[in-house]
Amino acid sequence: MEEKYYVRLNPAKKIIDCMVSGTFVPEDAQSFVKDYHNAVNSINPAEYTLEFDCTSMLVVSTDMVPHLEACFALYKESGFHKVIFKVQDNAVLKMQFSRLARNTGLTNVEVTSL
């Protein structure tokens, strides 16, 4: 079975490297948040960049938007130096991420298309 996500700490580069693919259900989101907390609790987020590879992620379904918005609020609350989302050339997903960042006040975000 293909991995839906990972959260990896890279202290040498001061990056938390994350990958998210496909679509999520609420249980996936809960599992991701648990793994995210485990990584973040061991560092000073202000010194780190949170970097997401979302190139295999599909557009977020309406029922999952609140879960993703809660994650964006969590990224803001954690206080990372910068948050980067890398997406395929997908205008809808890029727009969703930009809107969620705006809605949660996450201003140190960069959404890039590959």
PDB file of N, CA and C in Angstrom:
ATOM      1  N   MET A   1       0.841  -1.186   0.000  1.00  0.00           N
ATOM      2  CA  MET A   1       0.000   0.000   0.000  1.00  0.00           C
ATOM      3  C   MET A   1       0.886   1.250   0.000  1.00  0.00           C
ATOM      4  N   GLU A   2       0.530   2.199  -0.800  1.00  0.00           N
ATOM      5  CA  GLU A   2       1.312   3.428  -0.926  1.00  0.00           C
ATOM      6  C   GLU A   2       1.143   4.305   0.310  1.00  0.00           C
ATOM      7  N   GLU A   3       2.229   4.921   0.697  1.00  0.00           N
ATOM      8  CA  GLU A   3       2.253   5.810   1.856  1.00  0.00           C
ATOM      9  C   GLU A   3       1.410   7.058   1.578  1.00  0.00           C
ATOM     10  N   LYS A   4       0.474   7.395   2.496  1.00  0.00           N
ATOM     11  CA  LYS A   4      -0.358   8.589   2.320  1.00  0.00           C
ATOM     12  C   LYS A   4       0.364   9.850   2.763  1.00  0.00           C
ATOM     13  N   TYR A   5       1.272   9.706   3.716  1.00  0.00           N
ATOM     14  CA  TYR A   5       2.015  10.869   4.199  1.00  0.00           C
ATOM     15  C   TYR A   5       3.239  10.398   4.969  1.00  0.00           C
ATOM     16  N   TYR A   6       4.148  11.316   5.178  1.00  0.00           N
ATOM     17  CA  TYR A   6       5.213  11.121   6.155  1.00  0.00           C
ATOM     18  C   TYR A   6       5.577  12.473   6.743  1.00  0.00           C
ATOM     19  N   VAL A   7       6.177  12.433   7.922  1.00  0.00           N
ATOM     20  CA  VAL A   7       6.690  13.620   8.613  1.00  0.00           C
ATOM     21  C   VAL A   7       8.094  13.246   9.070  1.00  0.00           C
ATOM     22  N   ARG A   8       9.108  13.912   8.484  1.00  0.00           N
ATOM     23  CA  ARG A   8      10.500  13.579   8.797  1.00  0.00           C
ATOM     24  C   ARG A   8      11.251  14.824   9.252  1.00  0.00           C
ATOM     25  N   LEU A   9      11.956  14.668  10.332  1.00  0.00           N
ATOM     26  CA  LEU A   9      12.747  15.755  10.895  1.00  0.00           C
ATOM     27  C   LEU A   9      14.155  15.704  10.306  1.00  0.00           C
ATOM     28  N   ASN A  10      14.634  16.855   9.797  1.00  0.00           N
ATOM     29  CA  ASN A  10      15.988  16.952   9.260  1.00  0.00           C
ATOM     30  C   ASN A  10      16.716  18.067  10.020  1.00  0.00           C
ATOM     31  N   PRO A  11      17.308  17.738  11.182  1.00  0.00           N
ATOM     32  CA  PRO A  11      17.962  18.765  12.001  1.00  0.00           C
ATOM     33  C   PRO A  11      19.135  19.447  11.301  1.00  0.00           C
ATOM     34  N   ALA A  12      19.851  18.730  10.451  1.00  0.00           N
ATOM     35  CA  ALA A  12      21.006  19.315   9.763  1.00  0.00           C
ATOM     36  C   ALA A  12      20.594  20.486   8.872  1.00  0.00           C
ATOM     37  N   LYS A  13      19.438  20.353   8.210  1.00  0.00           N
ATOM     38  CA  LYS A  13      18.956  21.413   7.314  1.00  0.00           C
ATOM     39  C   LYS A  13      17.921  22.315   7.979  1.00  0.00           C
ATOM     40  N   LYS A  14      17.561  21.981   9.233  1.00  0.00           N
ATOM     41  CA  LYS A  14      16.529  22.738   9.963  1.00  0.00           C
ATOM     42  C   LYS A  14      15.210  22.740   9.186  1.00  0.00           C
ATOM     43  N   ILE A  15      14.804  21.537   8.754  1.00  0.00           N
ATOM     44  CA  ILE A  15      13.573  21.356   7.978  1.00  0.00           C
ATOM     45  C   ILE A  15      12.762  20.215   8.588  1.00  0.00           C
ATOM     46  N   ILE A  16      11.453  20.404   8.620  1.00  0.00           N
ATOM     47  CA  ILE A  16      10.556  19.268   8.812  1.00  0.00           C
ATOM     48  C   ILE A  16      10.006  18.987   7.424  1.00  0.00           C
ATOM     49  N   ASP A  17      10.366  17.833   6.913  1.00  0.00           N
ATOM     50  CA  ASP A  17      10.034  17.423   5.554  1.00  0.00           C
ATOM     51  C   ASP A  17       8.789  16.549   5.609  1.00  0.00           C
ATOM     52  N   CYS A  18       7.727  17.000   4.952  1.00  0.00           N
ATOM     53  CA  CYS A  18       6.470  16.264   4.951  1.00  0.00           C
ATOM     54  C   CYS A  18       6.057  15.945   3.523  1.00  0.00           C
ATOM     55  N   MET A  19       5.355  14.842   3.363  1.00  0.00           N
ATOM     56  CA  MET A  19       4.776  14.484   2.080  1.00  0.00           C
ATOM     57  C   MET A  19       3.334  14.072   2.343  1.00  0.00           C
ATOM     58  N   VAL A  20       2.445  14.537   1.475  1.00  0.00           N
ATOM     59  CA  VAL A  20       1.035  14.174   1.551  1.00  0.00           C
ATOM     60  C   VAL A  20       0.610  13.767   0.150  1.00  0.00           C
ATOM     61  N   SER A  21      -0.077  12.619   0.022  1.00  0.00           N
ATOM     62  CA  SER A  21      -0.501  12.181  -1.309  1.00  0.00           C
ATOM     63  C   SER A  21      -1.933  11.672  -1.285  1.00  0.00           C
ATOM     64  N   GLY A  22      -2.530  11.653  -2.466  1.00  0.00           N
ATOM     65  CA  GLY A  22      -3.885  11.133  -2.608  1.00  0.00           C
ATOM     66  C   GLY A  22      -4.908  11.977  -1.881  1.00  0.00           C
ATOM     67  N   THR A  23      -5.865  11.287  -1.273  1.00  0.00           N
ATOM     68  CA  THR A  23      -6.902  11.960  -0.493  1.00  0.00           C
ATOM     69  C   THR A  23      -6.872  11.421   0.935  1.00  0.00           C
ATOM     70  N   PHE A  24      -7.372  12.209   1.846  1.00  0.00           N
ATOM     71  CA  PHE A  24      -7.396  11.841   3.262  1.00  0.00           C
ATOM     72  C   PHE A  24      -8.828  11.623   3.726  1.00  0.00           C
ATOM     73  N   VAL A  25      -8.961  10.795   4.751  1.00  0.00           N
ATOM     74  CA  VAL A  25     -10.201  10.668   5.518  1.00  0.00           C
ATOM     75  C   VAL A  25      -9.866  11.212   6.912  1.00  0.00           C
ATOM     76  N   PRO A  26     -10.863  11.484   7.751  1.00  0.00           N
ATOM     77  CA  PRO A  26     -10.578  12.061   9.068  1.00  0.00           C
ATOM     78  C   PRO A  26      -9.538  11.282   9.885  1.00  0.00           C
ATOM     79  N   GLU A  27      -9.548   9.951   9.800  1.00  0.00           N
ATOM     80  CA  GLU A  27      -8.576   9.149  10.557  1.00  0.00           C
ATOM     81  C   GLU A  27      -7.146   9.421  10.086  1.00  0.00           C
ATOM     82  N   ASP A  28      -6.967   9.627   8.770  1.00  0.00           N
ATOM     83  CA  ASP A  28      -5.640   9.962   8.237  1.00  0.00           C
ATOM     84  C   ASP A  28      -5.182  11.303   8.796  1.00  0.00           C
ATOM     85  N   ALA A  29      -6.097  12.260   8.839  1.00  0.00           N
ATOM     86  CA  ALA A  29      -5.765  13.594   9.350  1.00  0.00           C
ATOM     87  C   ALA A  29      -5.350  13.510  10.819  1.00  0.00           C
ATOM     88  N   GLN A  30      -6.072  12.723  11.612  1.00  0.00           N
ATOM     89  CA  GLN A  30      -5.740  12.569  13.036  1.00  0.00           C
ATOM     90  C   GLN A  30      -4.364  11.930  13.209  1.00  0.00           C
ATOM     91  N   SER A  31      -4.072  10.934  12.404  1.00  0.00           N
ATOM     92  CA  SER A  31      -2.780  10.259  12.465  1.00  0.00           C
ATOM     93  C   SER A  31      -1.651  11.213  12.073  1.00  0.00           C
ATOM     94  N   PHE A  32      -1.887  12.016  11.025  1.00  0.00           N
ATOM     95  CA  PHE A  32      -0.892  12.993  10.588  1.00  0.00           C
ATOM     96  C   PHE A  32      -0.612  14.000  11.706  1.00  0.00           C
ATOM     97  N   VAL A  33      -1.661  14.526  12.330  1.00  0.00           N
ATOM     98  CA  VAL A  33      -1.498  15.530  13.391  1.00  0.00           C
ATOM     99  C   VAL A  33      -0.698  14.942  14.558  1.00  0.00           C
ATOM    100  N   LYS A  34      -0.942  13.693  14.896  1.00  0.00           N
ATOM    101  CA  LYS A  34      -0.184  13.032  15.972  1.00  0.00           C
ATOM    102  C   LYS A  34       1.303  12.966  15.606  1.00  0.00           C
ATOM    103  N   ASP A  35       1.614  12.523  14.390  1.00  0.00           N
ATOM    104  CA  ASP A  35       3.012  12.435  13.952  1.00  0.00           C
ATOM    105  C   ASP A  35       3.650  13.820  13.856  1.00  0.00           C
ATOM    106  N   TYR A  36       2.866  14.804  13.423  1.00  0.00           N
ATOM    107  CA  TYR A  36       3.337  16.189  13.335  1.00  0.00           C
ATOM    108  C   TYR A  36       3.748  16.680  14.727  1.00  0.00           C
ATOM    109  N   HIS A  37       2.883  16.477  15.712  1.00  0.00           N
ATOM    110  CA  HIS A  37       3.183  16.902  17.089  1.00  0.00           C
ATOM    111  C   HIS A  37       4.445  16.220  17.616  1.00  0.00           C
ATOM    112  N   ASN A  38       4.608  14.934  17.331  1.00  0.00           N
ATOM    113  CA  ASN A  38       5.803  14.215  17.783  1.00  0.00           C
ATOM    114  C   ASN A  38       7.069  14.865  17.234  1.00  0.00           C
ATOM    115  N   ALA A  39       7.045  15.288  15.980  1.00  0.00           N
ATOM    116  CA  ALA A  39       8.217  15.929  15.366  1.00  0.00           C
ATOM    117  C   ALA A  39       8.426  17.335  15.922  1.00  0.00           C
ATOM    118  N   VAL A  40       7.359  18.118  15.997  1.00  0.00           N
ATOM    119  CA  VAL A  40       7.464  19.525  16.398  1.00  0.00           C
ATOM    120  C   VAL A  40       7.847  19.676  17.873  1.00  0.00           C
ATOM    121  N   ASN A  41       7.387  18.774  18.705  1.00  0.00           N
ATOM    122  CA  ASN A  41       7.666  18.884  20.143  1.00  0.00           C
ATOM    123  C   ASN A  41       9.140  18.702  20.486  1.00  0.00           C
ATOM    124  N   SER A  42       9.931  18.213  19.546  1.00  0.00           N
ATOM    125  CA  SER A  42      11.348  17.974  19.826  1.00  0.00           C
ATOM    126  C   SER A  42      12.261  19.092  19.305  1.00  0.00           C
ATOM    127  N   ILE A  43      11.674  20.176  18.752  1.00  0.00           N
ATOM    128  CA  ILE A  43      12.479  21.250  18.147  1.00  0.00           C
ATOM    129  C   ILE A  43      11.947  22.625  18.550  1.00  0.00           C
ATOM    130  N   ASN A  44      12.680  23.668  18.148  1.00  0.00           N
ATOM    131  CA  ASN A  44      12.198  25.045  18.239  1.00  0.00           C
ATOM    132  C   ASN A  44      11.720  25.421  16.834  1.00  0.00           C
ATOM    133  N   PRO A  45      10.405  25.407  16.576  1.00  0.00           N
ATOM    134  CA  PRO A  45       9.892  25.637  15.225  1.00  0.00           C
ATOM    135  C   PRO A  45      10.338  26.951  14.589  1.00  0.00           C
ATOM    136  N   ALA A  46      10.609  27.976  15.387  1.00  0.00           N
ATOM    137  CA  ALA A  46      11.025  29.271  14.832  1.00  0.00           C
ATOM    138  C   ALA A  46      12.342  29.161  14.061  1.00  0.00           C
ATOM    139  N   GLU A  47      13.104  28.120  14.329  1.00  0.00           N
ATOM    140  CA  GLU A  47      14.380  27.906  13.641  1.00  0.00           C
ATOM    141  C   GLU A  47      14.241  26.995  12.423  1.00  0.00           C
ATOM    142  N   TYR A  48      13.042  26.490  12.176  1.00  0.00           N
ATOM    143  CA  TYR A  48      12.831  25.482  11.136  1.00  0.00           C
ATOM    144  C   TYR A  48      11.892  25.963  10.031  1.00  0.00           C
ATOM    145  N   THR A  49      12.052  25.334   8.864  1.00  0.00           N
ATOM    146  CA  THR A  49      11.109  25.486   7.759  1.00  0.00           C
ATOM    147  C   THR A  49      10.276  24.215   7.706  1.00  0.00           C
ATOM    148  N   LEU A  50       8.976  24.376   7.552  1.00  0.00           N
ATOM    149  CA  LEU A  50       8.060  23.252   7.374  1.00  0.00           C
ATOM    150  C   LEU A  50       7.816  23.134   5.878  1.00  0.00           C
ATOM    151  N   GLU A  51       8.243  22.025   5.285  1.00  0.00           N
ATOM    152  CA  GLU A  51       8.201  21.883   3.833  1.00  0.00           C
ATOM    153  C   GLU A  51       7.367  20.666   3.446  1.00  0.00           C
ATOM    154  N   PHE A  52       6.353  20.911   2.612  1.00  0.00           N
ATOM    155  CA  PHE A  52       5.448  19.851   2.176  1.00  0.00           C
ATOM    156  C   PHE A  52       5.628  19.531   0.703  1.00  0.00           C
ATOM    157  N   ASP A  53       5.719  18.244   0.393  1.00  0.00           N
ATOM    158  CA  ASP A  53       5.642  17.761  -0.982  1.00  0.00           C
ATOM    159  C   ASP A  53       4.205  17.290  -1.183  1.00  0.00           C
ATOM    160  N   CYS A  54       3.427  18.099  -1.892  1.00  0.00           N
ATOM    161  CA  CYS A  54       2.021  17.772  -2.149  1.00  0.00           C
ATOM    162  C   CYS A  54       1.806  17.456  -3.629  1.00  0.00           C
ATOM    163  N   THR A  55       2.878  17.045  -4.315  1.00  0.00           N
ATOM    164  CA  THR A  55       2.795  16.834  -5.763  1.00  0.00           C
ATOM    165  C   THR A  55       1.902  15.658  -6.133  1.00  0.00           C
ATOM    166  N   SER A  56       1.650  14.746  -5.190  1.00  0.00           N
ATOM    167  CA  SER A  56       0.756  13.615  -5.460  1.00  0.00           C
ATOM    168  C   SER A  56      -0.588  13.768  -4.760  1.00  0.00           C
ATOM    169  N   MET A  57      -0.817  14.939  -4.187  1.00  0.00           N
ATOM    170  CA  MET A  57      -2.061  15.187  -3.457  1.00  0.00           C
ATOM    171  C   MET A  57      -3.167  15.570  -4.427  1.00  0.00           C
ATOM    172  N   LEU A  58      -4.368  15.096  -4.139  1.00  0.00           N
ATOM    173  CA  LEU A  58      -5.532  15.442  -4.950  1.00  0.00           C
ATOM    174  C   LEU A  58      -6.250  16.626  -4.317  1.00  0.00           C
ATOM    175  N   VAL A  59      -7.118  17.257  -5.078  1.00  0.00           N
ATOM    176  CA  VAL A  59      -7.901  18.385  -4.573  1.00  0.00           C
ATOM    177  C   VAL A  59      -8.651  17.932  -3.320  1.00  0.00           C
ATOM    178  N   VAL A  60      -8.717  18.801  -2.334  1.00  0.00           N
ATOM    179  CA  VAL A  60      -9.320  18.472  -1.042  1.00  0.00           C
ATOM    180  C   VAL A  60     -10.840  18.496  -1.157  1.00  0.00           C
ATOM    181  N   SER A  61     -11.477  17.413  -0.698  1.00  0.00           N
ATOM    182  CA  SER A  61     -12.939  17.331  -0.745  1.00  0.00           C
ATOM    183  C   SER A  61     -13.542  18.281   0.287  1.00  0.00           C
ATOM    184  N   THR A  62     -14.765  18.685   0.042  1.00  0.00           N
ATOM    185  CA  THR A  62     -15.454  19.652   0.899  1.00  0.00           C
ATOM    186  C   THR A  62     -15.489  19.208   2.358  1.00  0.00           C
ATOM    187  N   ASP A  63     -15.718  17.915   2.600  1.00  0.00           N
ATOM    188  CA  ASP A  63     -15.811  17.436   3.982  1.00  0.00           C
ATOM    189  C   ASP A  63     -14.461  17.426   4.701  1.00  0.00           C
ATOM    190  N   MET A  64     -13.361  17.468   3.954  1.00  0.00           N
ATOM    191  CA  MET A  64     -12.033  17.464   4.572  1.00  0.00           C
ATOM    192  C   MET A  64     -11.443  18.866   4.734  1.00  0.00           C
ATOM    193  N   VAL A  65     -12.064  19.876   4.134  1.00  0.00           N
ATOM    194  CA  VAL A  65     -11.540  21.244   4.229  1.00  0.00           C
ATOM    195  C   VAL A  65     -11.389  21.696   5.686  1.00  0.00           C
ATOM    196  N   PRO A  66     -12.369  21.459   6.570  1.00  0.00           N
ATOM    197  CA  PRO A  66     -12.186  21.885   7.967  1.00  0.00           C
ATOM    198  C   PRO A  66     -10.969  21.232   8.637  1.00  0.00           C
ATOM    199  N   HIS A  67     -10.693  19.972   8.310  1.00  0.00           N
ATOM    200  CA  HIS A  67      -9.521  19.288   8.872  1.00  0.00           C
ATOM    201  C   HIS A  67      -8.233  19.943   8.383  1.00  0.00           C
ATOM    202  N   LEU A  68      -8.195  20.263   7.089  1.00  0.00           N
ATOM    203  CA  LEU A  68      -7.005  20.902   6.526  1.00  0.00           C
ATOM    204  C   LEU A  68      -6.839  22.314   7.083  1.00  0.00           C
ATOM    205  N   GLU A  69      -7.949  23.016   7.248  1.00  0.00           N
ATOM    206  CA  GLU A  69      -7.887  24.363   7.821  1.00  0.00           C
ATOM    207  C   GLU A  69      -7.347  24.308   9.258  1.00  0.00           C
ATOM    208  N   ALA A  70      -7.750  23.298  10.013  1.00  0.00           N
ATOM    209  CA  ALA A  70      -7.231  23.130  11.378  1.00  0.00           C
ATOM    210  C   ALA A  70      -5.723  22.872  11.346  1.00  0.00           C
ATOM    211  N   CYS A  71      -5.257  22.131  10.345  1.00  0.00           N
ATOM    212  CA  CYS A  71      -3.814  21.887  10.206  1.00  0.00           C
ATOM    213  C   CYS A  71      -3.078  23.187   9.895  1.00  0.00           C
ATOM    214  N   PHE A  72      -3.634  24.007   9.006  1.00  0.00           N
ATOM    215  CA  PHE A  72      -3.001  25.291   8.676  1.00  0.00           C
ATOM    216  C   PHE A  72      -2.918  26.174   9.924  1.00  0.00           C
ATOM    217  N   ALA A  73      -3.976  26.175  10.738  1.00  0.00           N
ATOM    218  CA  ALA A  73      -3.961  26.948  11.985  1.00  0.00           C
ATOM    219  C   ALA A  73      -2.877  26.401  12.923  1.00  0.00           C
ATOM    220  N   LEU A  74      -2.707  25.094  12.922  1.00  0.00           N
ATOM    221  CA  LEU A  74      -1.675  24.452  13.733  1.00  0.00           C
ATOM    222  C   LEU A  74      -0.278  24.874  13.273  1.00  0.00           C
ATOM    223  N   TYR A  75      -0.066  24.948  11.962  1.00  0.00           N
ATOM    224  CA  TYR A  75       1.240  25.379  11.432  1.00  0.00           C
ATOM    225  C   TYR A  75       1.529  26.817  11.869  1.00  0.00           C
ATOM    226  N   LYS A  76       0.500  27.664  11.827  1.00  0.00           N
ATOM    227  CA  LYS A  76       0.667  29.061  12.255  1.00  0.00           C
ATOM    228  C   LYS A  76       1.008  29.111  13.745  1.00  0.00           C
ATOM    229  N   GLU A  77       0.249  28.373  14.533  1.00  0.00           N
ATOM    230  CA  GLU A  77       0.436  28.348  15.984  1.00  0.00           C
ATOM    231  C   GLU A  77       1.830  27.833  16.366  1.00  0.00           C
ATOM    232  N   SER A  78       2.362  26.909  15.582  1.00  0.00           N
ATOM    233  CA  SER A  78       3.683  26.339  15.874  1.00  0.00           C
ATOM    234  C   SER A  78       4.793  27.367  15.709  1.00  0.00           C
ATOM    235  N   GLY A  79       4.599  28.349  14.818  1.00  0.00           N
ATOM    236  CA  GLY A  79       5.562  29.436  14.678  1.00  0.00           C
ATOM    237  C   GLY A  79       6.791  29.123  13.845  1.00  0.00           C
ATOM    238  N   PHE A  80       6.613  28.382  12.762  1.00  0.00           N
ATOM    239  CA  PHE A  80       7.744  28.068  11.882  1.00  0.00           C
ATOM    240  C   PHE A  80       8.303  29.318  11.226  1.00  0.00           C
ATOM    241  N   HIS A  81       9.595  29.255  10.915  1.00  0.00           N
ATOM    242  CA  HIS A  81      10.254  30.341  10.181  1.00  0.00           C
ATOM    243  C   HIS A  81       9.558  30.541   8.834  1.00  0.00           C
ATOM    244  N   LYS A  82       9.244  29.437   8.164  1.00  0.00           N
ATOM    245  CA  LYS A  82       8.584  29.488   6.862  1.00  0.00           C
ATOM    246  C   LYS A  82       7.844  28.176   6.639  1.00  0.00           C
ATOM    247  N   VAL A  83       6.754  28.237   5.868  1.00  0.00           N
ATOM    248  CA  VAL A  83       5.987  27.049   5.501  1.00  0.00           C
ATOM    249  C   VAL A  83       5.902  27.021   3.977  1.00  0.00           C
ATOM    250  N   ILE A  84       6.322  25.902   3.378  1.00  0.00           N
ATOM    251  CA  ILE A  84       6.348  25.778   1.919  1.00  0.00           C
ATOM    252  C   ILE A  84       5.512  24.574   1.495  1.00  0.00           C
ATOM    253  N   PHE A  85       4.633  24.798   0.526  1.00  0.00           N
ATOM    254  CA  PHE A  85       3.855  23.725  -0.084  1.00  0.00           C
ATOM    255  C   PHE A  85       4.251  23.628  -1.547  1.00  0.00           C
ATOM    256  N   LYS A  86       4.697  22.448  -1.974  1.00  0.00           N
ATOM    257  CA  LYS A  86       5.028  22.219  -3.381  1.00  0.00           C
ATOM    258  C   LYS A  86       3.916  21.364  -3.981  1.00  0.00           C
ATOM    259  N   VAL A  87       3.268  21.889  -5.023  1.00  0.00           N
ATOM    260  CA  VAL A  87       2.170  21.173  -5.676  1.00  0.00           C
ATOM    261  C   VAL A  87       2.492  20.991  -7.157  1.00  0.00           C
ATOM    262  N   GLN A  88       1.826  20.019  -7.779  1.00  0.00           N
ATOM    263  CA  GLN A  88       1.922  19.897  -9.229  1.00  0.00           C
ATOM    264  C   GLN A  88       1.242  21.120  -9.819  1.00  0.00           C
ATOM    265  N   ASP A  89       1.301  21.270 -11.099  1.00  0.00           N
ATOM    266  CA  ASP A  89       0.655  22.413 -11.751  1.00  0.00           C
ATOM    267  C   ASP A  89      -0.859  22.222 -11.649  1.00  0.00           C
ATOM    268  N   ASN A  90      -1.409  22.464 -10.462  1.00  0.00           N
ATOM    269  CA  ASN A  90      -2.820  22.239 -10.160  1.00  0.00           C
ATOM    270  C   ASN A  90      -3.391  23.532  -9.576  1.00  0.00           C
ATOM    271  N   ALA A  91      -4.045  24.305 -10.421  1.00  0.00           N
ATOM    272  CA  ALA A  91      -4.546  25.622 -10.019  1.00  0.00           C
ATOM    273  C   ALA A  91      -5.554  25.530  -8.875  1.00  0.00           C
ATOM    274  N   VAL A  92      -6.401  24.504  -8.883  1.00  0.00           N
ATOM    275  CA  VAL A  92      -7.432  24.376  -7.846  1.00  0.00           C
ATOM    276  C   VAL A  92      -6.792  24.105  -6.483  1.00  0.00           C
ATOM    277  N   LEU A  93      -5.851  23.177  -6.424  1.00  0.00           N
ATOM    278  CA  LEU A  93      -5.188  22.860  -5.160  1.00  0.00           C
ATOM    279  C   LEU A  93      -4.385  24.059  -4.658  1.00  0.00           C
ATOM    280  N   LYS A  94      -3.697  24.726  -5.562  1.00  0.00           N
ATOM    281  CA  LYS A  94      -2.920  25.914  -5.195  1.00  0.00           C
ATOM    282  C   LYS A  94      -3.849  26.989  -4.620  1.00  0.00           C
ATOM    283  N   MET A  95      -5.017  27.154  -5.238  1.00  0.00           N
ATOM    284  CA  MET A  95      -6.001  28.132  -4.769  1.00  0.00           C
ATOM    285  C   MET A  95      -6.537  27.725  -3.389  1.00  0.00           C
ATOM    286  N   GLN A  96      -6.812  26.425  -3.192  1.00  0.00           N
ATOM    287  CA  GLN A  96      -7.288  25.954  -1.887  1.00  0.00           C
ATOM    288  C   GLN A  96      -6.259  26.265  -0.799  1.00  0.00           C
ATOM    289  N   PHE A  97      -4.996  25.963  -1.062  1.00  0.00           N
ATOM    290  CA  PHE A  97      -3.946  26.216  -0.077  1.00  0.00           C
ATOM    291  C   PHE A  97      -3.823  27.705   0.224  1.00  0.00           C
ATOM    292  N   SER A  98      -3.845  28.526  -0.810  1.00  0.00           N
ATOM    293  CA  SER A  98      -3.724  29.979  -0.616  1.00  0.00           C
ATOM    294  C   SER A  98      -4.889  30.516   0.206  1.00  0.00           C
ATOM    295  N   ARG A  99      -6.096  30.038  -0.073  1.00  0.00           N
ATOM    296  CA  ARG A  99      -7.277  30.485   0.666  1.00  0.00           C
ATOM    297  C   ARG A  99      -7.204  30.041   2.129  1.00  0.00           C
ATOM    298  N   LEU A 100      -6.794  28.795   2.366  1.00  0.00           N
ATOM    299  CA  LEU A 100      -6.687  28.302   3.740  1.00  0.00           C
ATOM    300  C   LEU A 100      -5.627  29.072   4.524  1.00  0.00           C
ATOM    301  N   ALA A 101      -4.525  29.400   3.877  1.00  0.00           N
ATOM    302  CA  ALA A 101      -3.480  30.194   4.539  1.00  0.00           C
ATOM    303  C   ALA A 101      -4.028  31.561   4.918  1.00  0.00           C
ATOM    304  N   ARG A 102      -4.749  32.184   3.994  1.00  0.00           N
ATOM    305  CA  ARG A 102      -5.351  33.502   4.250  1.00  0.00           C
ATOM    306  C   ARG A 102      -6.358  33.409   5.394  1.00  0.00           C
ATOM    307  N   ASN A 103      -7.230  32.398   5.358  1.00  0.00           N
ATOM    308  CA  ASN A 103      -8.279  32.238   6.376  1.00  0.00           C
ATOM    309  C   ASN A 103      -7.710  32.025   7.777  1.00  0.00           C
ATOM    310  N   THR A 104      -6.538  31.410   7.860  1.00  0.00           N
ATOM    311  CA  THR A 104      -5.954  31.103   9.171  1.00  0.00           C
ATOM    312  C   THR A 104      -4.889  32.109   9.592  1.00  0.00           C
ATOM    313  N   GLY A 105      -4.595  33.083   8.729  1.00  0.00           N
ATOM    314  CA  GLY A 105      -3.595  34.091   9.063  1.00  0.00           C
ATOM    315  C   GLY A 105      -2.167  33.598   8.932  1.00  0.00           C
ATOM    316  N   LEU A 106      -1.971  32.515   8.188  1.00  0.00           N
ATOM    317  CA  LEU A 106      -0.629  31.975   7.957  1.00  0.00           C
ATOM    318  C   LEU A 106       0.025  32.803   6.858  1.00  0.00           C
ATOM    319  N   THR A 107       0.870  33.748   7.261  1.00  0.00           N
ATOM    320  CA  THR A 107       1.421  34.713   6.304  1.00  0.00           C
ATOM    321  C   THR A 107       2.805  34.345   5.788  1.00  0.00           C
ATOM    322  N   ASN A 108       3.521  33.485   6.491  1.00  0.00           N
ATOM    323  CA  ASN A 108       4.871  33.113   6.061  1.00  0.00           C
ATOM    324  C   ASN A 108       4.841  31.836   5.213  1.00  0.00           C
ATOM    325  N   VAL A 109       3.892  31.793   4.289  1.00  0.00           N
ATOM    326  CA  VAL A 109       3.660  30.601   3.476  1.00  0.00           C
ATOM    327  C   VAL A 109       4.027  30.862   2.024  1.00  0.00           C
ATOM    328  N   GLU A 110       4.478  29.813   1.374  1.00  0.00           N
ATOM    329  CA  GLU A 110       4.811  29.867  -0.043  1.00  0.00           C
ATOM    330  C   GLU A 110       4.197  28.631  -0.696  1.00  0.00           C
ATOM    331  N   VAL A 111       3.366  28.836  -1.725  1.00  0.00           N
ATOM    332  CA  VAL A 111       2.777  27.727  -2.468  1.00  0.00           C
ATOM    333  C   VAL A 111       3.382  27.760  -3.862  1.00  0.00           C
ATOM    334  N   THR A 112       4.157  26.732  -4.193  1.00  0.00           N
ATOM    335  CA  THR A 112       4.853  26.719  -5.478  1.00  0.00           C
ATOM    336  C   THR A 112       4.383  25.559  -6.336  1.00  0.00           C
ATOM    337  N   SER A 113       4.322  25.791  -7.642  1.00  0.00           N
ATOM    338  CA  SER A 113       3.967  24.748  -8.604  1.00  0.00           C
ATOM    339  C   SER A 113       5.231  24.184  -9.218  1.00  0.00           C
ATOM    340  N   LEU A 114       5.266  22.877  -9.383  1.00  0.00           N
ATOM    341  CA  LEU A 114       6.416  22.224 -10.017  1.00  0.00           C
ATOM    342  C   LEU A 114       6.108  21.891 -11.461  1.00  0.00           C
TER     343      LEU A 114
END
